[in-house]
Amino acid sequence: MTDIQRIDPAAFQEMLEGGELEGQMILDVREPYEWEYYHDDRAVLMPMNTIPARMEELPRDRSIYVVCAHGVRSVNVCLYLRQQGFDNLVNVDGGMAAIASLRGFQYD
């Protein structure tokens, strides 16, 4: 995973709350039932298995911050998108569980 940027959940949360991610894409690759349980309204839901069919919806000219539940699926999506020619990918380590914890919400 050396060519995929990573960000820890605290830094991601700080950037999110500080408006530094304005104009960037936050891509949530979890399933709809996970999204319904807990999500950030600034994210776009695109379940991992739908990515190949929906790649035209992804920007190539700005960063994509990829998040899942715990950071495993998001790494795989980053690796896949890198193979498809996307450059500005950032994996959110720990996923929504870590972000939720920082916000005082018990994710699982």
PDB file of N, CA and C in Angstrom:
ATOM      1  N   MET A   1       0.828  -1.204   0.000  1.00  0.00           N
ATOM      2  CA  MET A   1       0.000   0.000   0.000  1.00  0.00           C
ATOM      3  C   MET A   1       0.859   1.249   0.000  1.00  0.00           C
ATOM      4  N   THR A   2       2.063   1.141  -0.411  1.00  0.00           N
ATOM      5  CA  THR A   2       2.990   2.261  -0.345  1.00  0.00           C
ATOM      6  C   THR A   2       2.566   3.443  -1.207  1.00  0.00           C
ATOM      7  N   ASP A   3       1.813   3.213  -2.274  1.00  0.00           N
ATOM      8  CA  ASP A   3       1.434   4.320  -3.137  1.00  0.00           C
ATOM      9  C   ASP A   3       0.074   4.924  -2.786  1.00  0.00           C
ATOM     10  N   ILE A   4      -0.545   4.468  -1.727  1.00  0.00           N
ATOM     11  CA  ILE A   4      -1.831   5.013  -1.285  1.00  0.00           C
ATOM     12  C   ILE A   4      -1.581   5.865  -0.039  1.00  0.00           C
ATOM     13  N   GLN A   5      -2.022   7.114  -0.112  1.00  0.00           N
ATOM     14  CA  GLN A   5      -1.910   7.979   1.057  1.00  0.00           C
ATOM     15  C   GLN A   5      -2.879   7.509   2.133  1.00  0.00           C
ATOM     16  N   ARG A   6      -2.499   7.768   3.381  1.00  0.00           N
ATOM     17  CA  ARG A   6      -3.353   7.402   4.509  1.00  0.00           C
ATOM     18  C   ARG A   6      -3.495   8.617   5.421  1.00  0.00           C
ATOM     19  N   ILE A   7      -4.618   8.662   6.112  1.00  0.00           N
ATOM     20  CA  ILE A   7      -4.832   9.708   7.100  1.00  0.00           C
ATOM     21  C   ILE A   7      -5.452   9.066   8.330  1.00  0.00           C
ATOM     22  N   ASP A   8      -4.987   9.485   9.500  1.00  0.00           N
ATOM     23  CA  ASP A   8      -5.582   8.921  10.712  1.00  0.00           C
ATOM     24  C   ASP A   8      -6.906   9.628  10.974  1.00  0.00           C
ATOM     25  N   PRO A   9      -7.815   8.962  11.691  1.00  0.00           N
ATOM     26  CA  PRO A   9      -9.163   9.499  11.847  1.00  0.00           C
ATOM     27  C   PRO A   9      -9.219  10.854  12.552  1.00  0.00           C
ATOM     28  N   ALA A  10      -8.308  11.113  13.488  1.00  0.00           N
ATOM     29  CA  ALA A  10      -8.309  12.404  14.191  1.00  0.00           C
ATOM     30  C   ALA A  10      -7.950  13.534  13.235  1.00  0.00           C
ATOM     31  N   ALA A  11      -6.940  13.314  12.393  1.00  0.00           N
ATOM     32  CA  ALA A  11      -6.551  14.336  11.416  1.00  0.00           C
ATOM     33  C   ALA A  11      -7.661  14.541  10.391  1.00  0.00           C
ATOM     34  N   PHE A  12      -8.290  13.444   9.963  1.00  0.00           N
ATOM     35  CA  PHE A  12      -9.408  13.534   9.029  1.00  0.00           C
ATOM     36  C   PHE A  12     -10.544  14.343   9.636  1.00  0.00           C
ATOM     37  N   GLN A  13     -10.901  14.037  10.871  1.00  0.00           N
ATOM     38  CA  GLN A  13     -11.979  14.749  11.560  1.00  0.00           C
ATOM     39  C   GLN A  13     -11.650  16.242  11.686  1.00  0.00           C
ATOM     40  N   GLU A  14     -10.413  16.542  12.022  1.00  0.00           N
ATOM     41  CA  GLU A  14      -9.995  17.934  12.164  1.00  0.00           C
ATOM     42  C   GLU A  14     -10.093  18.680  10.824  1.00  0.00           C
ATOM     43  N   MET A  15      -9.638  18.040   9.767  1.00  0.00           N
ATOM     44  CA  MET A  15      -9.731  18.652   8.444  1.00  0.00           C
ATOM     45  C   MET A  15     -11.184  18.823   8.010  1.00  0.00           C
ATOM     46  N   LEU A  16     -11.997  17.839   8.310  1.00  0.00           N
ATOM     47  CA  LEU A  16     -13.409  17.883   7.962  1.00  0.00           C
ATOM     48  C   LEU A  16     -14.101  19.042   8.675  1.00  0.00           C
ATOM     49  N   GLU A  17     -13.896  19.114   9.978  1.00  0.00           N
ATOM     50  CA  GLU A  17     -14.540  20.162  10.771  1.00  0.00           C
ATOM     51  C   GLU A  17     -13.975  21.546  10.468  1.00  0.00           C
ATOM     52  N   GLY A  18     -12.713  21.604  10.048  1.00  0.00           N
ATOM     53  CA  GLY A  18     -12.091  22.881   9.725  1.00  0.00           C
ATOM     54  C   GLY A  18     -12.379  23.367   8.314  1.00  0.00           C
ATOM     55  N   GLY A  19     -13.138  22.588   7.556  1.00  0.00           N
ATOM     56  CA  GLY A  19     -13.497  22.979   6.205  1.00  0.00           C
ATOM     57  C   GLY A  19     -12.405  22.736   5.171  1.00  0.00           C
ATOM     58  N   GLU A  20     -11.332  22.068   5.567  1.00  0.00           N
ATOM     59  CA  GLU A  20     -10.206  21.834   4.657  1.00  0.00           C
ATOM     60  C   GLU A  20     -10.528  20.815   3.566  1.00  0.00           C
ATOM     61  N   LEU A  21     -11.601  20.048   3.743  1.00  0.00           N
ATOM     62  CA  LEU A  21     -11.962  19.052   2.735  1.00  0.00           C
ATOM     63  C   LEU A  21     -13.055  19.562   1.802  1.00  0.00           C
ATOM     64  N   GLU A  22     -13.414  20.819   1.964  1.00  0.00           N
ATOM     65  CA  GLU A  22     -14.414  21.434   1.088  1.00  0.00           C
ATOM     66  C   GLU A  22     -13.955  21.283  -0.360  1.00  0.00           C
ATOM     67  N   GLY A  23     -14.805  20.763  -1.205  1.00  0.00           N
ATOM     68  CA  GLY A  23     -14.469  20.573  -2.604  1.00  0.00           C
ATOM     69  C   GLY A  23     -13.817  19.233  -2.922  1.00  0.00           C
ATOM     70  N   GLN A  24     -13.408  18.502  -1.893  1.00  0.00           N
ATOM     71  CA  GLN A  24     -12.845  17.168  -2.090  1.00  0.00           C
ATOM     72  C   GLN A  24     -13.984  16.158  -1.962  1.00  0.00           C
ATOM     73  N   MET A  25     -13.774  14.950  -2.415  1.00  0.00           N
ATOM     74  CA  MET A  25     -14.814  13.927  -2.310  1.00  0.00           C
ATOM     75  C   MET A  25     -14.528  13.016  -1.123  1.00  0.00           C
ATOM     76  N   ILE A  26     -15.558  12.761  -0.336  1.00  0.00           N
ATOM     77  CA  ILE A  26     -15.494  11.761   0.724  1.00  0.00           C
ATOM     78  C   ILE A  26     -16.361  10.609   0.240  1.00  0.00           C
ATOM     79  N   LEU A  27     -15.717   9.500  -0.018  1.00  0.00           N
ATOM     80  CA  LEU A  27     -16.375   8.340  -0.615  1.00  0.00           C
ATOM     81  C   LEU A  27     -16.548   7.258   0.443  1.00  0.00           C
ATOM     82  N   ASP A  28     -17.792   6.951   0.774  1.00  0.00           N
ATOM     83  CA  ASP A  28     -18.115   5.918   1.755  1.00  0.00           C
ATOM     84  C   ASP A  28     -18.464   4.651   0.985  1.00  0.00           C
ATOM     85  N   VAL A  29     -17.655   3.605   1.162  1.00  0.00           N
ATOM     86  CA  VAL A  29     -17.826   2.387   0.369  1.00  0.00           C
ATOM     87  C   VAL A  29     -18.528   1.264   1.137  1.00  0.00           C
ATOM     88  N   ARG A  30     -19.212   1.622   2.233  1.00  0.00           N
ATOM     89  CA  ARG A  30     -19.954   0.625   3.002  1.00  0.00           C
ATOM     90  C   ARG A  30     -21.276   0.301   2.317  1.00  0.00           C
ATOM     91  N   GLU A  31     -21.976  -0.634   2.897  1.00  0.00           N
ATOM     92  CA  GLU A  31     -23.299  -1.041   2.398  1.00  0.00           C
ATOM     93  C   GLU A  31     -24.372  -0.083   2.928  1.00  0.00           C
ATOM     94  N   PRO A  32     -25.521   0.004   2.245  1.00  0.00           N
ATOM     95  CA  PRO A  32     -26.579   0.922   2.673  1.00  0.00           C
ATOM     96  C   PRO A  32     -27.016   0.738   4.133  1.00  0.00           C
ATOM     97  N   TYR A  33     -27.086  -0.503   4.612  1.00  0.00           N
ATOM     98  CA  TYR A  33     -27.511  -0.698   6.006  1.00  0.00           C
ATOM     99  C   TYR A  33     -26.483  -0.116   6.980  1.00  0.00           C
ATOM    100  N   GLU A  34     -25.202  -0.132   6.618  1.00  0.00           N
ATOM    101  CA  GLU A  34     -24.167   0.467   7.464  1.00  0.00           C
ATOM    102  C   GLU A  34     -24.273   1.988   7.433  1.00  0.00           C
ATOM    103  N   TRP A  35     -24.554   2.515   6.259  1.00  0.00           N
ATOM    104  CA  TRP A  35     -24.746   3.958   6.067  1.00  0.00           C
ATOM    105  C   TRP A  35     -25.918   4.443   6.921  1.00  0.00           C
ATOM    106  N   GLU A  36     -27.014   3.694   6.891  1.00  0.00           N
ATOM    107  CA  GLU A  36     -28.195   4.083   7.668  1.00  0.00           C
ATOM    108  C   GLU A  36     -27.904   4.114   9.166  1.00  0.00           C
ATOM    109  N   TYR A  37     -27.071   3.217   9.615  1.00  0.00           N
ATOM    110  CA  TYR A  37     -26.733   3.143  11.035  1.00  0.00           C
ATOM    111  C   TYR A  37     -25.940   4.367  11.484  1.00  0.00           C
ATOM    112  N   TYR A  38     -24.940   4.759  10.682  1.00  0.00           N
ATOM    113  CA  TYR A  38     -24.112   5.904  11.041  1.00  0.00           C
ATOM    114  C   TYR A  38     -23.366   6.373   9.799  1.00  0.00           C
ATOM    115  N   HIS A  39     -23.452   7.679   9.505  1.00  0.00           N
ATOM    116  CA  HIS A  39     -22.713   8.239   8.373  1.00  0.00           C
ATOM    117  C   HIS A  39     -22.490   9.727   8.557  1.00  0.00           C
ATOM    118  N   ASP A  40     -21.688  10.262   7.693  1.00  0.00           N
ATOM    119  CA  ASP A  40     -21.452  11.700   7.646  1.00  0.00           C
ATOM    120  C   ASP A  40     -22.141  12.204   6.383  1.00  0.00           C
ATOM    121  N   ASP A  41     -22.981  13.214   6.532  1.00  0.00           N
ATOM    122  CA  ASP A  41     -23.759  13.730   5.403  1.00  0.00           C
ATOM    123  C   ASP A  41     -22.903  14.314   4.284  1.00  0.00           C
ATOM    124  N   ARG A  42     -21.645  14.610   4.580  1.00  0.00           N
ATOM    125  CA  ARG A  42     -20.755  15.165   3.551  1.00  0.00           C
ATOM    126  C   ARG A  42     -20.197  14.078   2.640  1.00  0.00           C
ATOM    127  N   ALA A  43     -20.403  12.823   2.991  1.00  0.00           N
ATOM    128  CA  ALA A  43     -19.880  11.703   2.206  1.00  0.00           C
ATOM    129  C   ALA A  43     -20.875  11.287   1.122  1.00  0.00           C
ATOM    130  N   VAL A  44     -20.350  10.604   0.116  1.00  0.00           N
ATOM    131  CA  VAL A  44     -21.154  10.016  -0.953  1.00  0.00           C
ATOM    132  C   VAL A  44     -21.113   8.508  -0.759  1.00  0.00           C
ATOM    133  N   LEU A  45     -22.274   7.894  -0.669  1.00  0.00           N
ATOM    134  CA  LEU A  45     -22.348   6.436  -0.526  1.00  0.00           C
ATOM    135  C   LEU A  45     -22.199   5.771  -1.887  1.00  0.00           C
ATOM    136  N   MET A  46     -21.217   4.881  -1.980  1.00  0.00           N
ATOM    137  CA  MET A  46     -21.002   4.100  -3.183  1.00  0.00           C
ATOM    138  C   MET A  46     -20.442   2.748  -2.722  1.00  0.00           C
ATOM    139  N   PRO A  47     -21.321   1.782  -2.407  1.00  0.00           N
ATOM    140  CA  PRO A  47     -20.841   0.488  -1.906  1.00  0.00           C
ATOM    141  C   PRO A  47     -19.731  -0.094  -2.787  1.00  0.00           C
ATOM    142  N   MET A  48     -18.792  -0.743  -2.142  1.00  0.00           N
ATOM    143  CA  MET A  48     -17.603  -1.251  -2.805  1.00  0.00           C
ATOM    144  C   MET A  48     -17.918  -2.020  -4.090  1.00  0.00           C
ATOM    145  N   ASN A  49     -18.922  -2.875  -4.052  1.00  0.00           N
ATOM    146  CA  ASN A  49     -19.213  -3.701  -5.237  1.00  0.00           C
ATOM    147  C   ASN A  49     -19.816  -2.905  -6.393  1.00  0.00           C
ATOM    148  N   THR A  50     -20.188  -1.646  -6.167  1.00  0.00           N
ATOM    149  CA  THR A  50     -20.745  -0.821  -7.246  1.00  0.00           C
ATOM    150  C   THR A  50     -19.695   0.069  -7.909  1.00  0.00           C
ATOM    151  N   ILE A  51     -18.499   0.110  -7.343  1.00  0.00           N
ATOM    152  CA  ILE A  51     -17.456   1.013  -7.846  1.00  0.00           C
ATOM    153  C   ILE A  51     -17.159   0.812  -9.336  1.00  0.00           C
ATOM    154  N   PRO A  52     -16.934  -0.419  -9.819  1.00  0.00           N
ATOM    155  CA  PRO A  52     -16.600  -0.569 -11.245  1.00  0.00           C
ATOM    156  C   PRO A  52     -17.651   0.039 -12.184  1.00  0.00           C
ATOM    157  N   ALA A  53     -18.908  -0.074 -11.847  1.00  0.00           N
ATOM    158  CA  ALA A  53     -19.980   0.438 -12.697  1.00  0.00           C
ATOM    159  C   ALA A  53     -20.208   1.943 -12.532  1.00  0.00           C
ATOM    160  N   ARG A  54     -19.640   2.534 -11.457  1.00  0.00           N
ATOM    161  CA  ARG A  54     -19.915   3.946 -11.161  1.00  0.00           C
ATOM    162  C   ARG A  54     -18.675   4.834 -11.214  1.00  0.00           C
ATOM    163  N   MET A  55     -17.592   4.333 -11.781  1.00  0.00           N
ATOM    164  CA  MET A  55     -16.342   5.101 -11.783  1.00  0.00           C
ATOM    165  C   MET A  55     -16.461   6.457 -12.454  1.00  0.00           C
ATOM    166  N   GLU A  56     -17.387   6.602 -13.409  1.00  0.00           N
ATOM    167  CA  GLU A  56     -17.545   7.892 -14.073  1.00  0.00           C
ATOM    168  C   GLU A  56     -18.049   8.971 -13.110  1.00  0.00           C
ATOM    169  N   GLU A  57     -18.566   8.575 -11.964  1.00  0.00           N
ATOM    170  CA  GLU A  57     -19.028   9.533 -10.958  1.00  0.00           C
ATOM    171  C   GLU A  57     -17.891  10.044 -10.070  1.00  0.00           C
ATOM    172  N   LEU A  58     -16.721   9.438 -10.196  1.00  0.00           N
ATOM    173  CA  LEU A  58     -15.595   9.802  -9.340  1.00  0.00           C
ATOM    174  C   LEU A  58     -14.723  10.859 -10.016  1.00  0.00           C
ATOM    175  N   PRO A  59     -14.331  11.883  -9.269  1.00  0.00           N
ATOM    176  CA  PRO A  59     -13.506  12.941  -9.854  1.00  0.00           C
ATOM    177  C   PRO A  59     -12.046  12.507 -10.008  1.00  0.00           C
ATOM    178  N   ARG A  60     -11.449  12.918 -11.091  1.00  0.00           N
ATOM    179  CA  ARG A  60     -10.019  12.656 -11.294  1.00  0.00           C
ATOM    180  C   ARG A  60      -9.192  13.908 -11.022  1.00  0.00           C
ATOM    181  N   ASP A  61      -9.864  15.025 -10.784  1.00  0.00           N
ATOM    182  CA  ASP A  61      -9.175  16.301 -10.625  1.00  0.00           C
ATOM    183  C   ASP A  61      -9.141  16.808  -9.180  1.00  0.00           C
ATOM    184  N   ARG A  62      -9.564  15.986  -8.247  1.00  0.00           N
ATOM    185  CA  ARG A  62      -9.508  16.371  -6.825  1.00  0.00           C
ATOM    186  C   ARG A  62      -9.324  15.124  -5.991  1.00  0.00           C
ATOM    187  N   SER A  63      -9.034  15.323  -4.715  1.00  0.00           N
ATOM    188  CA  SER A  63      -8.774  14.183  -3.829  1.00  0.00           C
ATOM    189  C   SER A  63     -10.051  13.430  -3.504  1.00  0.00           C
ATOM    190  N   ILE A  64      -9.888  12.128  -3.341  1.00  0.00           N
ATOM    191  CA  ILE A  64     -10.976  11.264  -2.898  1.00  0.00           C
ATOM    192  C   ILE A  64     -10.534  10.629  -1.582  1.00  0.00           C
ATOM    193  N   TYR A  65     -11.243  10.933  -0.517  1.00  0.00           N
ATOM    194  CA  TYR A  65     -10.995  10.345   0.796  1.00  0.00           C
ATOM    195  C   TYR A  65     -11.934   9.154   0.921  1.00  0.00           C
ATOM    196  N   VAL A  66     -11.375   7.958   1.021  1.00  0.00           N
ATOM    197  CA  VAL A  66     -12.166   6.731   0.997  1.00  0.00           C
ATOM    198  C   VAL A  66     -12.300   6.191   2.417  1.00  0.00           C
ATOM    199  N   VAL A  67     -13.552   5.922   2.800  1.00  0.00           N
ATOM    200  CA  VAL A  67     -13.842   5.445   4.154  1.00  0.00           C
ATOM    201  C   VAL A  67     -14.780   4.248   4.092  1.00  0.00           C
ATOM    202  N   CYS A  68     -14.600   3.315   5.027  1.00  0.00           N
ATOM    203  CA  CYS A  68     -15.517   2.186   5.183  1.00  0.00           C
ATOM    204  C   CYS A  68     -15.778   2.026   6.678  1.00  0.00           C
ATOM    205  N   ALA A  69     -16.062   0.838   7.128  1.00  0.00           N
ATOM    206  CA  ALA A  69     -16.364   0.645   8.544  1.00  0.00           C
ATOM    207  C   ALA A  69     -15.107   0.680   9.413  1.00  0.00           C
ATOM    208  N   HIS A  70     -14.074  -0.061   8.999  1.00  0.00           N
ATOM    209  CA  HIS A  70     -12.869  -0.182   9.823  1.00  0.00           C
ATOM    210  C   HIS A  70     -11.575   0.083   9.055  1.00  0.00           C
ATOM    211  N   GLY A  71     -11.649   0.371   7.786  1.00  0.00           N
ATOM    212  CA  GLY A  71     -10.470   0.703   7.011  1.00  0.00           C
ATOM    213  C   GLY A  71      -9.928  -0.391   6.121  1.00  0.00           C
ATOM    214  N   VAL A  72     -10.621  -1.516   6.024  1.00  0.00           N
ATOM    215  CA  VAL A  72     -10.139  -2.626   5.195  1.00  0.00           C
ATOM    216  C   VAL A  72     -10.678  -2.501   3.764  1.00  0.00           C
ATOM    217  N   ARG A  73     -11.984  -2.381   3.626  1.00  0.00           N
ATOM    218  CA  ARG A  73     -12.568  -2.242   2.281  1.00  0.00           C
ATOM    219  C   ARG A  73     -12.047  -0.989   1.590  1.00  0.00           C
ATOM    220  N   SER A  74     -11.872   0.073   2.360  1.00  0.00           N
ATOM    221  CA  SER A  74     -11.405   1.321   1.761  1.00  0.00           C
ATOM    222  C   SER A  74     -10.001   1.177   1.173  1.00  0.00           C
ATOM    223  N   VAL A  75      -9.136   0.423   1.829  1.00  0.00           N
ATOM    224  CA  VAL A  75      -7.801   0.160   1.278  1.00  0.00           C
ATOM    225  C   VAL A  75      -7.935  -0.566  -0.053  1.00  0.00           C
ATOM    226  N   ASN A  76      -8.790  -1.572  -0.100  1.00  0.00           N
ATOM    227  CA  ASN A  76      -8.983  -2.326  -1.339  1.00  0.00           C
ATOM    228  C   ASN A  76      -9.548  -1.454  -2.456  1.00  0.00           C
ATOM    229  N   VAL A  77     -10.466  -0.567  -2.116  1.00  0.00           N
ATOM    230  CA  VAL A  77     -11.014   0.353  -3.113  1.00  0.00           C
ATOM    231  C   VAL A  77      -9.920   1.301  -3.608  1.00  0.00           C
ATOM    232  N   CYS A  78      -9.102   1.808  -2.694  1.00  0.00           N
ATOM    233  CA  CYS A  78      -7.992   2.679  -3.099  1.00  0.00           C
ATOM    234  C   CYS A  78      -7.053   1.954  -4.058  1.00  0.00           C
ATOM    235  N   LEU A  79      -6.718   0.724  -3.738  1.00  0.00           N
ATOM    236  CA  LEU A  79      -5.825  -0.053  -4.603  1.00  0.00           C
ATOM    237  C   LEU A  79      -6.457  -0.280  -5.973  1.00  0.00           C
ATOM    238  N   TYR A  80      -7.739  -0.594  -6.000  1.00  0.00           N
ATOM    239  CA  TYR A  80      -8.447  -0.801  -7.264  1.00  0.00           C
ATOM    240  C   TYR A  80      -8.473   0.489  -8.089  1.00  0.00           C
ATOM    241  N   LEU A  81      -8.832   1.584  -7.436  1.00  0.00           N
ATOM    242  CA  LEU A  81      -8.916   2.853  -8.155  1.00  0.00           C
ATOM    243  C   LEU A  81      -7.548   3.294  -8.663  1.00  0.00           C
ATOM    244  N   ARG A  82      -6.508   3.012  -7.898  1.00  0.00           N
ATOM    245  CA  ARG A  82      -5.149   3.324  -8.352  1.00  0.00           C
ATOM    246  C   ARG A  82      -4.864   2.574  -9.659  1.00  0.00           C
ATOM    247  N   GLN A  83      -5.277   1.307  -9.725  1.00  0.00           N
ATOM    248  CA  GLN A  83      -5.081   0.509 -10.947  1.00  0.00           C
ATOM    249  C   GLN A  83      -5.875   1.076 -12.117  1.00  0.00           C
ATOM    250  N   GLN A  84      -6.941   1.792 -11.819  1.00  0.00           N
ATOM    251  CA  GLN A  84      -7.787   2.385 -12.859  1.00  0.00           C
ATOM    252  C   GLN A  84      -7.319   3.792 -13.240  1.00  0.00           C
ATOM    253  N   GLY A  85      -6.197   4.226 -12.670  1.00  0.00           N
ATOM    254  CA  GLY A  85      -5.623   5.503 -13.050  1.00  0.00           C
ATOM    255  C   GLY A  85      -5.942   6.689 -12.169  1.00  0.00           C
ATOM    256  N   PHE A  86      -6.586   6.465 -11.039  1.00  0.00           N
ATOM    257  CA  PHE A  86      -6.861   7.561 -10.114  1.00  0.00           C
ATOM    258  C   PHE A  86      -5.610   7.836  -9.284  1.00  0.00           C
ATOM    259  N   ASP A  87      -5.318   9.110  -9.074  1.00  0.00           N
ATOM    260  CA  ASP A  87      -4.084   9.486  -8.389  1.00  0.00           C
ATOM    261  C   ASP A  87      -4.284  10.037  -6.976  1.00  0.00           C
ATOM    262  N   ASN A  88      -5.298  10.823  -6.760  1.00  0.00           N
ATOM    263  CA  ASN A  88      -5.463  11.559  -5.512  1.00  0.00           C
ATOM    264  C   ASN A  88      -6.352  10.806  -4.524  1.00  0.00           C
ATOM    265  N   LEU A  89      -5.851   9.658  -4.052  1.00  0.00           N
ATOM    266  CA  LEU A  89      -6.623   8.795  -3.157  1.00  0.00           C
ATOM    267  C   LEU A  89      -6.042   8.860  -1.758  1.00  0.00           C
ATOM    268  N   VAL A  90      -6.927   8.937  -0.774  1.00  0.00           N
ATOM    269  CA  VAL A  90      -6.505   8.951   0.622  1.00  0.00           C
ATOM    270  C   VAL A  90      -7.388   7.974   1.386  1.00  0.00           C
ATOM    271  N   ASN A  91      -6.773   6.982   2.012  1.00  0.00           N
ATOM    272  CA  ASN A  91      -7.518   6.022   2.829  1.00  0.00           C
ATOM    273  C   ASN A  91      -7.649   6.570   4.250  1.00  0.00           C
ATOM    274  N   VAL A  92      -8.873   6.539   4.786  1.00  0.00           N
ATOM    275  CA  VAL A  92      -9.110   6.975   6.162  1.00  0.00           C
ATOM    276  C   VAL A  92      -8.931   5.755   7.070  1.00  0.00           C
ATOM    277  N   ASP A  93      -7.793   5.712   7.762  1.00  0.00           N
ATOM    278  CA  ASP A  93      -7.485   4.590   8.649  1.00  0.00           C
ATOM    279  C   ASP A  93      -8.532   4.461   9.749  1.00  0.00           C
ATOM    280  N   GLY A  94      -8.928   3.240  10.036  1.00  0.00           N
ATOM    281  CA  GLY A  94      -9.879   2.992  11.117  1.00  0.00           C
ATOM    282  C   GLY A  94     -11.332   3.168  10.733  1.00  0.00           C
ATOM    283  N   GLY A  95     -11.591   3.797   9.604  1.00  0.00           N
ATOM    284  CA  GLY A  95     -12.940   3.935   9.081  1.00  0.00           C
ATOM    285  C   GLY A  95     -13.926   4.686   9.956  1.00  0.00           C
ATOM    286  N   MET A  96     -15.193   4.464   9.676  1.00  0.00           N
ATOM    287  CA  MET A  96     -16.260   5.158  10.402  1.00  0.00           C
ATOM    288  C   MET A  96     -16.304   4.763  11.870  1.00  0.00           C
ATOM    289  N   ALA A  97     -15.848   3.576  12.207  1.00  0.00           N
ATOM    290  CA  ALA A  97     -15.822   3.182  13.623  1.00  0.00           C
ATOM    291  C   ALA A  97     -14.908   4.119  14.400  1.00  0.00           C
ATOM    292  N   ALA A  98     -13.741   4.423  13.852  1.00  0.00           N
ATOM    293  CA  ALA A  98     -12.797   5.324  14.526  1.00  0.00           C
ATOM    294  C   ALA A  98     -13.323   6.753  14.559  1.00  0.00           C
ATOM    295  N   ILE A  99     -13.922   7.189  13.465  1.00  0.00           N
ATOM    296  CA  ILE A  99     -14.487   8.539  13.414  1.00  0.00           C
ATOM    297  C   ILE A  99     -15.633   8.673  14.408  1.00  0.00           C
ATOM    298  N   ALA A 100     -16.503   7.674  14.441  1.00  0.00           N
ATOM    299  CA  ALA A 100     -17.625   7.687  15.375  1.00  0.00           C
ATOM    300  C   ALA A 100     -17.126   7.763  16.820  1.00  0.00           C
ATOM    301  N   SER A 101     -16.103   7.010  17.121  1.00  0.00           N
ATOM    302  CA  SER A 101     -15.531   7.015  18.467  1.00  0.00           C
ATOM    303  C   SER A 101     -15.041   8.413  18.851  1.00  0.00           C
ATOM    304  N   LEU A 102     -14.391   9.078  17.922  1.00  0.00           N
ATOM    305  CA  LEU A 102     -13.926  10.450  18.174  1.00  0.00           C
ATOM    306  C   LEU A 102     -15.103  11.393  18.440  1.00  0.00           C
ATOM    307  N   ARG A 103     -16.237  11.087  17.860  1.00  0.00           N
ATOM    308  CA  ARG A 103     -17.437  11.923  18.020  1.00  0.00           C
ATOM    309  C   ARG A 103     -18.292  11.473  19.203  1.00  0.00           C
ATOM    310  N   GLY A 104     -17.819  10.484  19.945  1.00  0.00           N
ATOM    311  CA  GLY A 104     -18.547  10.007  21.115  1.00  0.00           C
ATOM    312  C   GLY A 104     -19.674   9.037  20.822  1.00  0.00           C
ATOM    313  N   PHE A 105     -19.635   8.402  19.657  1.00  0.00           N
ATOM    314  CA  PHE A 105     -20.671   7.444  19.267  1.00  0.00           C
ATOM    315  C   PHE A 105     -20.070   6.059  19.207  1.00  0.00           C
ATOM    316  N   GLN A 106     -20.712   5.101  19.803  1.00  0.00           N
ATOM    317  CA  GLN A 106     -20.239   3.712  19.762  1.00  0.00           C
ATOM    318  C   GLN A 106     -20.740   3.076  18.477  1.00  0.00           C
ATOM    319  N   TYR A 107     -19.822   2.807  17.545  1.00  0.00           N
ATOM    320  CA  TYR A 107     -20.190   2.303  16.224  1.00  0.00           C
ATOM    321  C   TYR A 107     -20.560   0.834  16.262  1.00  0.00           C
ATOM    322  N   ASP A 108     -19.745   0.020  16.924  1.00  0.00           N
ATOM    323  CA  ASP A 108     -20.049  -1.410  16.978  1.00  0.00           C
ATOM    324  C   ASP A 108     -19.621  -2.020  18.288  1.00  0.00           C
TER     325      ASP A 108
END
